[in-house]
Amino acid sequence: MMIRIETNAGLRKIRIEGEMNIYSAPELKRRLLDQLGSADKMEINLSHVSEMDSAGFQVLCLAKREAVNNGKTLHFTSHSPAVAEVMGLYNMAAYFGDTAALPRAQKKARTPRRRVKTKKTT
């Protein structure tokens, strides 16, 4: 995993490249929280994430929660297919408040079904 960081007009831009998994999660957590501590506005580009498991997903949840708790702005952008798949699996795109491009099949699967009311006979 590689993390590229740049600051432009007060916005900290971070691009994560490679795997976000149980092996990279501790380092990813440390680096994201360090960056969040020194920036009021942060954007994390996820377009180059090749793999994400639940540990990587938990780091994103932690970063979002810490940003909200500390009155900071954090957006996730350019979700890779690996990221979109996990967000869709956990049905968490709305939690992040960003427009995650979920694969079409997952969008269709998440569409709520209408319930049909039936009359009870006694």
PDB file of N, CA and C in Angstrom:
ATOM      1  N   MET A   1       0.842  -1.174   0.000  1.00  0.00           N
ATOM      2  CA  MET A   1       0.000   0.000   0.000  1.00  0.00           C
ATOM      3  C   MET A   1       0.893   1.245   0.000  1.00  0.00           C
ATOM      4  N   MET A   2       0.484   2.219  -0.804  1.00  0.00           N
ATOM      5  CA  MET A   2       1.197   3.484  -0.863  1.00  0.00           C
ATOM      6  C   MET A   2       0.186   4.609  -0.661  1.00  0.00           C
ATOM      7  N   ILE A   3       0.597   5.641   0.048  1.00  0.00           N
ATOM      8  CA  ILE A   3      -0.264   6.803   0.275  1.00  0.00           C
ATOM      9  C   ILE A   3       0.449   8.030  -0.259  1.00  0.00           C
ATOM     10  N   ARG A   4      -0.227   8.733  -1.165  1.00  0.00           N
ATOM     11  CA  ARG A   4       0.308   9.979  -1.721  1.00  0.00           C
ATOM     12  C   ARG A   4      -0.471  11.132  -1.104  1.00  0.00           C
ATOM     13  N   ILE A   5       0.236  12.154  -0.645  1.00  0.00           N
ATOM     14  CA  ILE A   5      -0.386  13.269   0.058  1.00  0.00           C
ATOM     15  C   ILE A   5       0.047  14.583  -0.571  1.00  0.00           C
ATOM     16  N   GLU A   6      -0.925  15.462  -0.784  1.00  0.00           N
ATOM     17  CA  GLU A   6      -0.626  16.828  -1.225  1.00  0.00           C
ATOM     18  C   GLU A   6      -1.652  17.764  -0.607  1.00  0.00           C
ATOM     19  N   THR A   7      -1.269  19.009  -0.446  1.00  0.00           N
ATOM     20  CA  THR A   7      -2.177  20.024   0.082  1.00  0.00           C
ATOM     21  C   THR A   7      -2.304  21.122  -0.954  1.00  0.00           C
ATOM     22  N   ASN A   8      -3.552  21.501  -1.231  1.00  0.00           N
ATOM     23  CA  ASN A   8      -3.822  22.519  -2.234  1.00  0.00           C
ATOM     24  C   ASN A   8      -4.937  23.419  -1.708  1.00  0.00           C
ATOM     25  N   ALA A   9      -4.634  24.685  -1.472  1.00  0.00           N
ATOM     26  CA  ALA A   9      -5.615  25.677  -1.002  1.00  0.00           C
ATOM     27  C   ALA A   9      -6.330  25.211   0.264  1.00  0.00           C
ATOM     28  N   GLY A  10      -5.588  24.650   1.202  1.00  0.00           N
ATOM     29  CA  GLY A  10      -6.157  24.237   2.473  1.00  0.00           C
ATOM     30  C   GLY A  10      -6.828  22.880   2.467  1.00  0.00           C
ATOM     31  N   LEU A  11      -6.883  22.221   1.309  1.00  0.00           N
ATOM     32  CA  LEU A  11      -7.493  20.893   1.200  1.00  0.00           C
ATOM     33  C   LEU A  11      -6.393  19.847   1.134  1.00  0.00           C
ATOM     34  N   ARG A  12      -6.400  18.939   2.099  1.00  0.00           N
ATOM     35  CA  ARG A  12      -5.434  17.836   2.104  1.00  0.00           C
ATOM     36  C   ARG A  12      -5.991  16.738   1.212  1.00  0.00           C
ATOM     37  N   LYS A  13      -5.253  16.402   0.158  1.00  0.00           N
ATOM     38  CA  LYS A  13      -5.669  15.355  -0.774  1.00  0.00           C
ATOM     39  C   LYS A  13      -4.787  14.138  -0.577  1.00  0.00           C
ATOM     40  N   ILE A  14      -5.447  13.016  -0.354  1.00  0.00           N
ATOM     41  CA  ILE A  14      -4.740  11.763  -0.114  1.00  0.00           C
ATOM     42  C   ILE A  14      -5.198  10.750  -1.155  1.00  0.00           C
ATOM     43  N   ARG A  15      -4.251  10.057  -1.749  1.00  0.00           N
ATOM     44  CA  ARG A  15      -4.593   8.981  -2.685  1.00  0.00           C
ATOM     45  C   ARG A  15      -3.986   7.694  -2.161  1.00  0.00           C
ATOM     46  N   ILE A  16      -4.848   6.722  -1.943  1.00  0.00           N
ATOM     47  CA  ILE A  16      -4.411   5.415  -1.454  1.00  0.00           C
ATOM     48  C   ILE A  16      -4.258   4.497  -2.658  1.00  0.00           C
ATOM     49  N   GLU A  17      -3.113   3.827  -2.731  1.00  0.00           N
ATOM     50  CA  GLU A  17      -2.834   2.917  -3.837  1.00  0.00           C
ATOM     51  C   GLU A  17      -2.513   1.537  -3.289  1.00  0.00           C
ATOM     52  N   GLY A  18      -3.110   0.521  -3.887  1.00  0.00           N
ATOM     53  CA  GLY A  18      -2.821  -0.849  -3.494  1.00  0.00           C
ATOM     54  C   GLY A  18      -3.903  -1.437  -2.607  1.00  0.00           C
ATOM     55  N   GLU A  19      -3.490  -2.303  -1.721  1.00  0.00           N
ATOM     56  CA  GLU A  19      -4.420  -3.071  -0.897  1.00  0.00           C
ATOM     57  C   GLU A  19      -4.729  -2.382   0.426  1.00  0.00           C
ATOM     58  N   MET A  20      -5.999  -2.393   0.766  1.00  0.00           N
ATOM     59  CA  MET A  20      -6.448  -1.940   2.090  1.00  0.00           C
ATOM     60  C   MET A  20      -7.005  -3.179   2.774  1.00  0.00           C
ATOM     61  N   ASN A  21      -6.142  -3.862   3.516  1.00  0.00           N
ATOM     62  CA  ASN A  21      -6.565  -5.112   4.137  1.00  0.00           C
ATOM     63  C   ASN A  21      -5.998  -5.230   5.544  1.00  0.00           C
ATOM     64  N   ILE A  22      -6.175  -6.383   6.122  1.00  0.00           N
ATOM     65  CA  ILE A  22      -5.755  -6.598   7.517  1.00  0.00           C
ATOM     66  C   ILE A  22      -4.255  -6.336   7.701  1.00  0.00           C
ATOM     67  N   TYR A  23      -3.476  -6.542   6.664  1.00  0.00           N
ATOM     68  CA  TYR A  23      -2.036  -6.360   6.768  1.00  0.00           C
ATOM     69  C   TYR A  23      -1.625  -4.892   6.708  1.00  0.00           C
ATOM     70  N   SER A  24      -2.362  -4.092   5.951  1.00  0.00           N
ATOM     71  CA  SER A  24      -2.013  -2.675   5.804  1.00  0.00           C
ATOM     72  C   SER A  24      -2.836  -1.765   6.721  1.00  0.00           C
ATOM     73  N   ALA A  25      -3.879  -2.292   7.350  1.00  0.00           N
ATOM     74  CA  ALA A  25      -4.794  -1.471   8.159  1.00  0.00           C
ATOM     75  C   ALA A  25      -4.103  -0.701   9.293  1.00  0.00           C
ATOM     76  N   PRO A  26      -3.205  -1.301  10.061  1.00  0.00           N
ATOM     77  CA  PRO A  26      -2.581  -0.530  11.155  1.00  0.00           C
ATOM     78  C   PRO A  26      -1.816   0.699  10.652  1.00  0.00           C
ATOM     79  N   GLU A  27      -1.039   0.544   9.600  1.00  0.00           N
ATOM     80  CA  GLU A  27      -0.281   1.659   9.041  1.00  0.00           C
ATOM     81  C   GLU A  27      -1.223   2.696   8.417  1.00  0.00           C
ATOM     82  N   LEU A  28      -2.231   2.219   7.712  1.00  0.00           N
ATOM     83  CA  LEU A  28      -3.210   3.116   7.097  1.00  0.00           C
ATOM     84  C   LEU A  28      -3.933   3.930   8.168  1.00  0.00           C
ATOM     85  N   LYS A  29      -4.331   3.287   9.231  1.00  0.00           N
ATOM     86  CA  LYS A  29      -5.020   3.966  10.333  1.00  0.00           C
ATOM     87  C   LYS A  29      -4.138   5.074  10.910  1.00  0.00           C
ATOM     88  N   ARG A  30      -2.901   4.741  11.209  1.00  0.00           N
ATOM     89  CA  ARG A  30      -1.977   5.710  11.793  1.00  0.00           C
ATOM     90  C   ARG A  30      -1.783   6.914  10.871  1.00  0.00           C
ATOM     91  N   ARG A  31      -1.562   6.647   9.611  1.00  0.00           N
ATOM     92  CA  ARG A  31      -1.282   7.748   8.674  1.00  0.00           C
ATOM     93  C   ARG A  31      -2.502   8.618   8.412  1.00  0.00           C
ATOM     94  N   LEU A  32      -3.680   7.997   8.269  1.00  0.00           N
ATOM     95  CA  LEU A  32      -4.887   8.801   8.031  1.00  0.00           C
ATOM     96  C   LEU A  32      -5.234   9.652   9.242  1.00  0.00           C
ATOM     97  N   LEU A  33      -5.131   9.086  10.438  1.00  0.00           N
ATOM     98  CA  LEU A  33      -5.447   9.865  11.641  1.00  0.00           C
ATOM     99  C   LEU A  33      -4.436  10.987  11.853  1.00  0.00           C
ATOM    100  N   ASP A  34      -3.167  10.745  11.531  1.00  0.00           N
ATOM    101  CA  ASP A  34      -2.161  11.810  11.605  1.00  0.00           C
ATOM    102  C   ASP A  34      -2.513  12.953  10.660  1.00  0.00           C
ATOM    103  N   GLN A  35      -2.876  12.614   9.446  1.00  0.00           N
ATOM    104  CA  GLN A  35      -3.229  13.640   8.463  1.00  0.00           C
ATOM    105  C   GLN A  35      -4.503  14.377   8.864  1.00  0.00           C
ATOM    106  N   LEU A  36      -5.466  13.642   9.374  1.00  0.00           N
ATOM    107  CA  LEU A  36      -6.724  14.255   9.800  1.00  0.00           C
ATOM    108  C   LEU A  36      -6.496  15.205  10.969  1.00  0.00           C
ATOM    109  N   GLY A  37      -5.541  14.882  11.820  1.00  0.00           N
ATOM    110  CA  GLY A  37      -5.233  15.740  12.960  1.00  0.00           C
ATOM    111  C   GLY A  37      -4.657  17.086  12.564  1.00  0.00           C
ATOM    112  N   SER A  38      -4.033  17.150  11.403  1.00  0.00           N
ATOM    113  CA  SER A  38      -3.390  18.398  10.992  1.00  0.00           C
ATOM    114  C   SER A  38      -4.093  19.096   9.830  1.00  0.00           C
ATOM    115  N   ALA A  39      -5.305  18.633   9.477  1.00  0.00           N
ATOM    116  CA  ALA A  39      -6.039  19.254   8.365  1.00  0.00           C
ATOM    117  C   ALA A  39      -7.507  19.412   8.736  1.00  0.00           C
ATOM    118  N   ASP A  40      -8.093  20.534   8.336  1.00  0.00           N
ATOM    119  CA  ASP A  40      -9.528  20.741   8.585  1.00  0.00           C
ATOM    120  C   ASP A  40     -10.387  20.156   7.472  1.00  0.00           C
ATOM    121  N   LYS A  41      -9.823  20.102   6.266  1.00  0.00           N
ATOM    122  CA  LYS A  41     -10.536  19.545   5.113  1.00  0.00           C
ATOM    123  C   LYS A  41      -9.658  18.484   4.467  1.00  0.00           C
ATOM    124  N   MET A  42     -10.255  17.306   4.245  1.00  0.00           N
ATOM    125  CA  MET A  42      -9.479  16.224   3.671  1.00  0.00           C
ATOM    126  C   MET A  42     -10.321  15.467   2.647  1.00  0.00           C
ATOM    127  N   GLU A  43      -9.656  15.036   1.597  1.00  0.00           N
ATOM    128  CA  GLU A  43     -10.295  14.261   0.537  1.00  0.00           C
ATOM    129  C   GLU A  43      -9.437  13.024   0.306  1.00  0.00           C
ATOM    130  N   ILE A  44     -10.070  11.865   0.315  1.00  0.00           N
ATOM    131  CA  ILE A  44      -9.338  10.625   0.101  1.00  0.00           C
ATOM    132  C   ILE A  44      -9.794  10.008  -1.213  1.00  0.00           C
ATOM    133  N   ASN A  45      -8.870   9.907  -2.144  1.00  0.00           N
ATOM    134  CA  ASN A  45      -9.126   9.324  -3.457  1.00  0.00           C
ATOM    135  C   ASN A  45      -8.887   7.817  -3.351  1.00  0.00           C
ATOM    136  N   LEU A  46      -9.920   7.047  -3.680  1.00  0.00           N
ATOM    137  CA  LEU A  46      -9.862   5.593  -3.541  1.00  0.00           C
ATOM    138  C   LEU A  46      -9.778   4.884  -4.888  1.00  0.00           C
ATOM    139  N   SER A  47      -9.475   5.611  -5.949  1.00  0.00           N
ATOM    140  CA  SER A  47      -9.498   5.038  -7.296  1.00  0.00           C
ATOM    141  C   SER A  47      -8.424   3.984  -7.548  1.00  0.00           C
ATOM    142  N   HIS A  48      -7.355   4.012  -6.780  1.00  0.00           N
ATOM    143  CA  HIS A  48      -6.262   3.068  -6.992  1.00  0.00           C
ATOM    144  C   HIS A  48      -6.209   1.959  -5.931  1.00  0.00           C
ATOM    145  N   VAL A  49      -7.310   1.771  -5.214  1.00  0.00           N
ATOM    146  CA  VAL A  49      -7.376   0.678  -4.233  1.00  0.00           C
ATOM    147  C   VAL A  49      -7.701  -0.608  -4.988  1.00  0.00           C
ATOM    148  N   SER A  50      -6.796  -1.567  -4.929  1.00  0.00           N
ATOM    149  CA  SER A  50      -6.951  -2.805  -5.686  1.00  0.00           C
ATOM    150  C   SER A  50      -7.705  -3.883  -4.916  1.00  0.00           C
ATOM    151  N   GLU A  51      -7.683  -3.789  -3.596  1.00  0.00           N
ATOM    152  CA  GLU A  51      -8.349  -4.788  -2.753  1.00  0.00           C
ATOM    153  C   GLU A  51      -8.721  -4.131  -1.438  1.00  0.00           C
ATOM    154  N   MET A  52      -9.898  -4.471  -0.921  1.00  0.00           N
ATOM    155  CA  MET A  52     -10.289  -3.959   0.390  1.00  0.00           C
ATOM    156  C   MET A  52     -11.054  -5.050   1.115  1.00  0.00           C
ATOM    157  N   ASP A  53     -10.658  -5.313   2.350  1.00  0.00           N
ATOM    158  CA  ASP A  53     -11.400  -6.246   3.182  1.00  0.00           C
ATOM    159  C   ASP A  53     -12.050  -5.472   4.330  1.00  0.00           C
ATOM    160  N   SER A  54     -12.610  -6.189   5.290  1.00  0.00           N
ATOM    161  CA  SER A  54     -13.334  -5.521   6.381  1.00  0.00           C
ATOM    162  C   SER A  54     -12.409  -4.664   7.244  1.00  0.00           C
ATOM    163  N   ALA A  55     -11.146  -5.035   7.371  1.00  0.00           N
ATOM    164  CA  ALA A  55     -10.207  -4.227   8.158  1.00  0.00           C
ATOM    165  C   ALA A  55      -9.957  -2.884   7.480  1.00  0.00           C
ATOM    166  N   GLY A  56      -9.780  -2.886   6.172  1.00  0.00           N
ATOM    167  CA  GLY A  56      -9.609  -1.642   5.431  1.00  0.00           C
ATOM    168  C   GLY A  56     -10.856  -0.781   5.510  1.00  0.00           C
ATOM    169  N   PHE A  57     -12.000  -1.423   5.424  1.00  0.00           N
ATOM    170  CA  PHE A  57     -13.272  -0.707   5.522  1.00  0.00           C
ATOM    171  C   PHE A  57     -13.434  -0.074   6.907  1.00  0.00           C
ATOM    172  N   GLN A  58     -13.032  -0.771   7.942  1.00  0.00           N
ATOM    173  CA  GLN A  58     -13.121  -0.234   9.302  1.00  0.00           C
ATOM    174  C   GLN A  58     -12.248   1.006   9.473  1.00  0.00           C
ATOM    175  N   VAL A  59     -11.120   1.050   8.800  1.00  0.00           N
ATOM    176  CA  VAL A  59     -10.260   2.233   8.873  1.00  0.00           C
ATOM    177  C   VAL A  59     -10.971   3.432   8.250  1.00  0.00           C
ATOM    178  N   LEU A  60     -11.664   3.222   7.131  1.00  0.00           N
ATOM    179  CA  LEU A  60     -12.420   4.320   6.521  1.00  0.00           C
ATOM    180  C   LEU A  60     -13.537   4.794   7.450  1.00  0.00           C
ATOM    181  N   CYS A  61     -14.211   3.850   8.095  1.00  0.00           N
ATOM    182  CA  CYS A  61     -15.270   4.210   9.055  1.00  0.00           C
ATOM    183  C   CYS A  61     -14.698   5.016  10.216  1.00  0.00           C
ATOM    184  N   LEU A  62     -13.556   4.594  10.720  1.00  0.00           N
ATOM    185  CA  LEU A  62     -12.910   5.300  11.823  1.00  0.00           C
ATOM    186  C   LEU A  62     -12.533   6.716  11.407  1.00  0.00           C
ATOM    187  N   ALA A  63     -11.946   6.860  10.230  1.00  0.00           N
ATOM    188  CA  ALA A  63     -11.545   8.188   9.757  1.00  0.00           C
ATOM    189  C   ALA A  63     -12.762   9.096   9.622  1.00  0.00           C
ATOM    190  N   LYS A  64     -13.847   8.575   9.074  1.00  0.00           N
ATOM    191  CA  LYS A  64     -15.060   9.382   8.909  1.00  0.00           C
ATOM    192  C   LYS A  64     -15.611   9.785  10.274  1.00  0.00           C
ATOM    193  N   ARG A  65     -15.662   8.849  11.206  1.00  0.00           N
ATOM    194  CA  ARG A  65     -16.173   9.141  12.553  1.00  0.00           C
ATOM    195  C   ARG A  65     -15.318  10.184  13.262  1.00  0.00           C
ATOM    196  N   GLU A  66     -14.007  10.069  13.159  1.00  0.00           N
ATOM    197  CA  GLU A  66     -13.112  11.030  13.793  1.00  0.00           C
ATOM    198  C   GLU A  66     -13.269  12.418  13.177  1.00  0.00           C
ATOM    199  N   ALA A  67     -13.437  12.469  11.871  1.00  0.00           N
ATOM    200  CA  ALA A  67     -13.645  13.765  11.219  1.00  0.00           C
ATOM    201  C   ALA A  67     -14.926  14.416  11.727  1.00  0.00           C
ATOM    202  N   VAL A  68     -15.999  13.669  11.771  1.00  0.00           N
ATOM    203  CA  VAL A  68     -17.285  14.202  12.245  1.00  0.00           C
ATOM    204  C   VAL A  68     -17.173  14.644  13.694  1.00  0.00           C
ATOM    205  N   ASN A  69     -16.580  13.823  14.541  1.00  0.00           N
ATOM    206  CA  ASN A  69     -16.448  14.143  15.969  1.00  0.00           C
ATOM    207  C   ASN A  69     -15.592  15.380  16.226  1.00  0.00           C
ATOM    208  N   ASN A  70     -14.671  15.674  15.306  1.00  0.00           N
ATOM    209  CA  ASN A  70     -13.774  16.822  15.485  1.00  0.00           C
ATOM    210  C   ASN A  70     -14.138  18.012  14.603  1.00  0.00           C
ATOM    211  N   GLY A  71     -15.329  17.984  13.998  1.00  0.00           N
ATOM    212  CA  GLY A  71     -15.803  19.099  13.196  1.00  0.00           C
ATOM    213  C   GLY A  71     -15.000  19.342  11.926  1.00  0.00           C
ATOM    214  N   LYS A  72     -14.442  18.282  11.376  1.00  0.00           N
ATOM    215  CA  LYS A  72     -13.638  18.407  10.161  1.00  0.00           C
ATOM    216  C   LYS A  72     -14.406  17.836   8.969  1.00  0.00           C
ATOM    217  N   THR A  73     -13.976  18.205   7.787  1.00  0.00           N
ATOM    218  CA  THR A  73     -14.610  17.728   6.567  1.00  0.00           C
ATOM    219  C   THR A  73     -13.757  16.625   5.955  1.00  0.00           C
ATOM    220  N   LEU A  74     -14.398  15.501   5.650  1.00  0.00           N
ATOM    221  CA  LEU A  74     -13.710  14.379   5.012  1.00  0.00           C
ATOM    222  C   LEU A  74     -14.611  13.807   3.936  1.00  0.00           C
ATOM    223  N   HIS A  75     -14.088  13.740   2.710  1.00  0.00           N
ATOM    224  CA  HIS A  75     -14.826  13.154   1.592  1.00  0.00           C
ATOM    225  C   HIS A  75     -13.995  12.034   0.983  1.00  0.00           C
ATOM    226  N   PHE A  76     -14.688  10.993   0.545  1.00  0.00           N
ATOM    227  CA  PHE A  76     -14.059   9.907  -0.191  1.00  0.00           C
ATOM    228  C   PHE A  76     -14.467  10.067  -1.647  1.00  0.00           C
ATOM    229  N   THR A  77     -13.511   9.976  -2.561  1.00  0.00           N
ATOM    230  CA  THR A  77     -13.806  10.178  -3.973  1.00  0.00           C
ATOM    231  C   THR A  77     -13.286   9.021  -4.811  1.00  0.00           C
ATOM    232  N   SER A  78     -13.808   8.925  -6.020  1.00  0.00           N
ATOM    233  CA  SER A  78     -13.317   8.002  -7.054  1.00  0.00           C
ATOM    234  C   SER A  78     -13.177   6.572  -6.541  1.00  0.00           C
ATOM    235  N   HIS A  79     -14.245   6.040  -6.023  1.00  0.00           N
ATOM    236  CA  HIS A  79     -14.239   4.684  -5.455  1.00  0.00           C
ATOM    237  C   HIS A  79     -13.882   3.647  -6.517  1.00  0.00           C
ATOM    238  N   SER A  80     -12.878   2.845  -6.245  1.00  0.00           N
ATOM    239  CA  SER A  80     -12.505   1.769  -7.165  1.00  0.00           C
ATOM    240  C   SER A  80     -13.571   0.675  -7.089  1.00  0.00           C
ATOM    241  N   PRO A  81     -13.577  -0.247  -8.045  1.00  0.00           N
ATOM    242  CA  PRO A  81     -14.541  -1.357  -7.972  1.00  0.00           C
ATOM    243  C   PRO A  81     -14.419  -2.163  -6.670  1.00  0.00           C
ATOM    244  N   ALA A  82     -13.198  -2.337  -6.169  1.00  0.00           N
ATOM    245  CA  ALA A  82     -13.010  -3.086  -4.918  1.00  0.00           C
ATOM    246  C   ALA A  82     -13.672  -2.370  -3.744  1.00  0.00           C
ATOM    247  N   VAL A  83     -13.536  -1.048  -3.687  1.00  0.00           N
ATOM    248  CA  VAL A  83     -14.135  -0.254  -2.613  1.00  0.00           C
ATOM    249  C   VAL A  83     -15.654  -0.244  -2.751  1.00  0.00           C
ATOM    250  N   ALA A  84     -16.130  -0.037  -3.967  1.00  0.00           N
ATOM    251  CA  ALA A  84     -17.582   0.005  -4.211  1.00  0.00           C
ATOM    252  C   ALA A  84     -18.232  -1.319  -3.851  1.00  0.00           C
ATOM    253  N   GLU A  85     -17.537  -2.409  -4.113  1.00  0.00           N
ATOM    254  CA  GLU A  85     -18.080  -3.729  -3.789  1.00  0.00           C
ATOM    255  C   GLU A  85     -18.269  -3.899  -2.283  1.00  0.00           C
ATOM    256  N   VAL A  86     -17.272  -3.508  -1.512  1.00  0.00           N
ATOM    257  CA  VAL A  86     -17.374  -3.644  -0.056  1.00  0.00           C
ATOM    258  C   VAL A  86     -18.422  -2.695   0.507  1.00  0.00           C
ATOM    259  N   MET A  87     -18.451  -1.451   0.035  1.00  0.00           N
ATOM    260  CA  MET A  87     -19.470  -0.508   0.511  1.00  0.00           C
ATOM    261  C   MET A  87     -20.870  -1.011   0.180  1.00  0.00           C
ATOM    262  N   GLY A  88     -21.022  -1.586  -0.996  1.00  0.00           N
ATOM    263  CA  GLY A  88     -22.315  -2.144  -1.379  1.00  0.00           C
ATOM    264  C   GLY A  88     -22.678  -3.346  -0.538  1.00  0.00           C
ATOM    265  N   LEU A  89     -21.696  -4.187  -0.251  1.00  0.00           N
ATOM    266  CA  LEU A  89     -21.924  -5.379   0.562  1.00  0.00           C
ATOM    267  C   LEU A  89     -22.430  -5.002   1.952  1.00  0.00           C
ATOM    268  N   TYR A  90     -21.842  -3.973   2.532  1.00  0.00           N
ATOM    269  CA  TYR A  90     -22.238  -3.517   3.866  1.00  0.00           C
ATOM    270  C   TYR A  90     -23.351  -2.475   3.830  1.00  0.00           C
ATOM    271  N   ASN A  91     -23.768  -2.076   2.628  1.00  0.00           N
ATOM    272  CA  ASN A  91     -24.838  -1.080   2.459  1.00  0.00           C
ATOM    273  C   ASN A  91     -24.506   0.204   3.231  1.00  0.00           C
ATOM    274  N   MET A  92     -23.274   0.697   3.043  1.00  0.00           N
ATOM    275  CA  MET A  92     -22.779   1.827   3.828  1.00  0.00           C
ATOM    276  C   MET A  92     -22.473   3.075   3.007  1.00  0.00           C
ATOM    277  N   ALA A  93     -22.810   3.095   1.736  1.00  0.00           N
ATOM    278  CA  ALA A  93     -22.497   4.266   0.913  1.00  0.00           C
ATOM    279  C   ALA A  93     -23.130   5.526   1.490  1.00  0.00           C
ATOM    280  N   ALA A  94     -24.352   5.425   1.984  1.00  0.00           N
ATOM    281  CA  ALA A  94     -25.041   6.599   2.538  1.00  0.00           C
ATOM    282  C   ALA A  94     -24.342   7.118   3.797  1.00  0.00           C
ATOM    283  N   TYR A  95     -23.765   6.236   4.588  1.00  0.00           N
ATOM    284  CA  TYR A  95     -23.067   6.635   5.811  1.00  0.00           C
ATOM    285  C   TYR A  95     -21.932   7.604   5.494  1.00  0.00           C
ATOM    286  N   PHE A  96     -21.227   7.342   4.404  1.00  0.00           N
ATOM    287  CA  PHE A  96     -20.098   8.180   4.045  1.00  0.00           C
ATOM    288  C   PHE A  96     -20.524   9.490   3.413  1.00  0.00           C
ATOM    289  N   GLY A  97     -21.762   9.578   2.952  1.00  0.00           N
ATOM    290  CA  GLY A  97     -22.271  10.830   2.409  1.00  0.00           C
ATOM    291  C   GLY A  97     -21.653  11.235   1.093  1.00  0.00           C
ATOM    292  N   ASP A  98     -21.016  10.316   0.422  1.00  0.00           N
ATOM    293  CA  ASP A  98     -20.388  10.587  -0.866  1.00  0.00           C
ATOM    294  C   ASP A  98     -21.090   9.764  -1.934  1.00  0.00           C
ATOM    295  N   THR A  99     -20.924  10.172  -3.155  1.00  0.00           N
ATOM    296  CA  THR A  99     -21.534   9.422  -4.240  1.00  0.00           C
ATOM    297  C   THR A  99     -20.595   8.298  -4.640  1.00  0.00           C
ATOM    298  N   ALA A 100     -20.858   7.139  -4.114  1.00  0.00           N
ATOM    299  CA  ALA A 100     -20.064   5.967  -4.453  1.00  0.00           C
ATOM    300  C   ALA A 100     -20.695   5.299  -5.660  1.00  0.00           C
ATOM    301  N   ALA A 101     -19.906   5.034  -6.649  1.00  0.00           N
ATOM    302  CA  ALA A 101     -20.415   4.378  -7.847  1.00  0.00           C
ATOM    303  C   ALA A 101     -20.475   2.885  -7.602  1.00  0.00           C
ATOM    304  N   LEU A 102     -21.606   2.434  -7.098  1.00  0.00           N
ATOM    305  CA  LEU A 102     -21.764   1.019  -6.838  1.00  0.00           C
ATOM    306  C   LEU A 102     -22.041   0.287  -8.146  1.00  0.00           C
ATOM    307  N   PRO A 103     -21.531  -0.929  -8.277  1.00  0.00           N
ATOM    308  CA  PRO A 103     -21.820  -1.693  -9.485  1.00  0.00           C
ATOM    309  C   PRO A 103     -23.331  -1.846  -9.678  1.00  0.00           C
ATOM    310  N   ARG A 104     -23.745  -1.863 -10.923  1.00  0.00           N
ATOM    311  CA  ARG A 104     -25.169  -1.893 -11.268  1.00  0.00           C
ATOM    312  C   ARG A 104     -25.894  -3.051 -10.603  1.00  0.00           C
ATOM    313  N   ALA A 105     -25.302  -4.228 -10.565  1.00  0.00           N
ATOM    314  CA  ALA A 105     -25.959  -5.390  -9.963  1.00  0.00           C
ATOM    315  C   ALA A 105     -26.232  -5.161  -8.484  1.00  0.00           C
ATOM    316  N   GLN A 106     -25.304  -4.492  -7.799  1.00  0.00           N
ATOM    317  CA  GLN A 106     -25.510  -4.231  -6.376  1.00  0.00           C
ATOM    318  C   GLN A 106     -26.580  -3.190  -6.162  1.00  0.00           C
ATOM    319  N   LYS A 107     -26.642  -2.178  -7.032  1.00  0.00           N
ATOM    320  CA  LYS A 107     -27.690  -1.170  -6.911  1.00  0.00           C
ATOM    321  C   LYS A 107     -29.055  -1.829  -7.058  1.00  0.00           C
ATOM    322  N   LYS A 108     -29.167  -2.717  -8.019  1.00  0.00           N
ATOM    323  CA  LYS A 108     -30.422  -3.395  -8.261  1.00  0.00           C
ATOM    324  C   LYS A 108     -30.786  -4.271  -7.062  1.00  0.00           C
ATOM    325  N   ALA A 109     -29.814  -4.971  -6.515  1.00  0.00           N
ATOM    326  CA  ALA A 109     -30.065  -5.858  -5.380  1.00  0.00           C
ATOM    327  C   ALA A 109     -30.478  -5.083  -4.133  1.00  0.00           C
ATOM    328  N   ARG A 110     -30.036  -3.837  -4.014  1.00  0.00           N
ATOM    329  CA  ARG A 110     -30.355  -3.045  -2.831  1.00  0.00           C
ATOM    330  C   ARG A 110     -31.703  -2.350  -2.924  1.00  0.00           C
ATOM    331  N   THR A 111     -32.350  -2.391  -4.101  1.00  0.00           N
ATOM    332  CA  THR A 111     -33.633  -1.720  -4.264  1.00  0.00           C
ATOM    333  C   THR A 111     -34.654  -2.388  -3.361  1.00  0.00           C
ATOM    334  N   PRO A 112     -35.297  -1.615  -2.471  1.00  0.00           N
ATOM    335  CA  PRO A 112     -36.255  -2.227  -1.557  1.00  0.00           C
ATOM    336  C   PRO A 112     -37.451  -2.788  -2.311  1.00  0.00           C
ATOM    337  N   ARG A 113     -37.926  -3.919  -1.853  1.00  0.00           N
ATOM    338  CA  ARG A 113     -39.091  -4.550  -2.459  1.00  0.00           C
ATOM    339  C   ARG A 113     -40.340  -4.054  -1.772  1.00  0.00           C
ATOM    340  N   ARG A 114     -41.386  -3.982  -2.540  1.00  0.00           N
ATOM    341  CA  ARG A 114     -42.664  -3.580  -1.962  1.00  0.00           C
ATOM    342  C   ARG A 114     -43.283  -4.761  -1.241  1.00  0.00           C
ATOM    343  N   ARG A 115     -43.841  -4.455  -0.105  1.00  0.00           N
ATOM    344  CA  ARG A 115     -44.537  -5.495   0.648  1.00  0.00           C
ATOM    345  C   ARG A 115     -45.989  -5.531   0.219  1.00  0.00           C
ATOM    346  N   VAL A 116     -46.482  -6.706   0.081  1.00  0.00           N
ATOM    347  CA  VAL A 116     -47.878  -6.879  -0.273  1.00  0.00           C
ATOM    348  C   VAL A 116     -48.632  -7.240   0.994  1.00  0.00           C
ATOM    349  N   LYS A 117     -49.640  -6.411   1.286  1.00  0.00           N
ATOM    350  CA  LYS A 117     -50.441  -6.671   2.488  1.00  0.00           C
ATOM    351  C   LYS A 117     -51.484  -7.727   2.154  1.00  0.00           C
ATOM    352  N   THR A 118     -51.627  -8.634   3.065  1.00  0.00           N
ATOM    353  CA  THR A 118     -52.649  -9.655   2.902  1.00  0.00           C
ATOM    354  C   THR A 118     -53.637  -9.554   4.039  1.00  0.00           C
ATOM    355  N   LYS A 119     -54.860  -9.897   3.736  1.00  0.00           N
ATOM    356  CA  LYS A 119     -55.879  -9.859   4.773  1.00  0.00           C
ATOM    357  C   LYS A 119     -55.824 -11.137   5.589  1.00  0.00           C
ATOM    358  N   LYS A 120     -55.946 -10.958   6.889  1.00  0.00           N
ATOM    359  CA  LYS A 120     -55.997 -12.108   7.772  1.00  0.00           C
ATOM    360  C   LYS A 120     -57.427 -12.613   7.826  1.00  0.00           C
ATOM    361  N   THR A 121     -57.556 -13.883   7.737  1.00  0.00           N
ATOM    362  CA  THR A 121     -58.895 -14.463   7.867  1.00  0.00           C
ATOM    363  C   THR A 121     -58.972 -15.150   9.216  1.00  0.00           C
ATOM    364  N   THR A 122     -60.078 -14.916   9.876  1.00  0.00           N
ATOM    365  CA  THR A 122     -60.245 -15.536  11.194  1.00  0.00           C
ATOM    366  C   THR A 122     -61.472 -16.369  11.264  1.00  0.00           C
TER     367      THR A 122
END
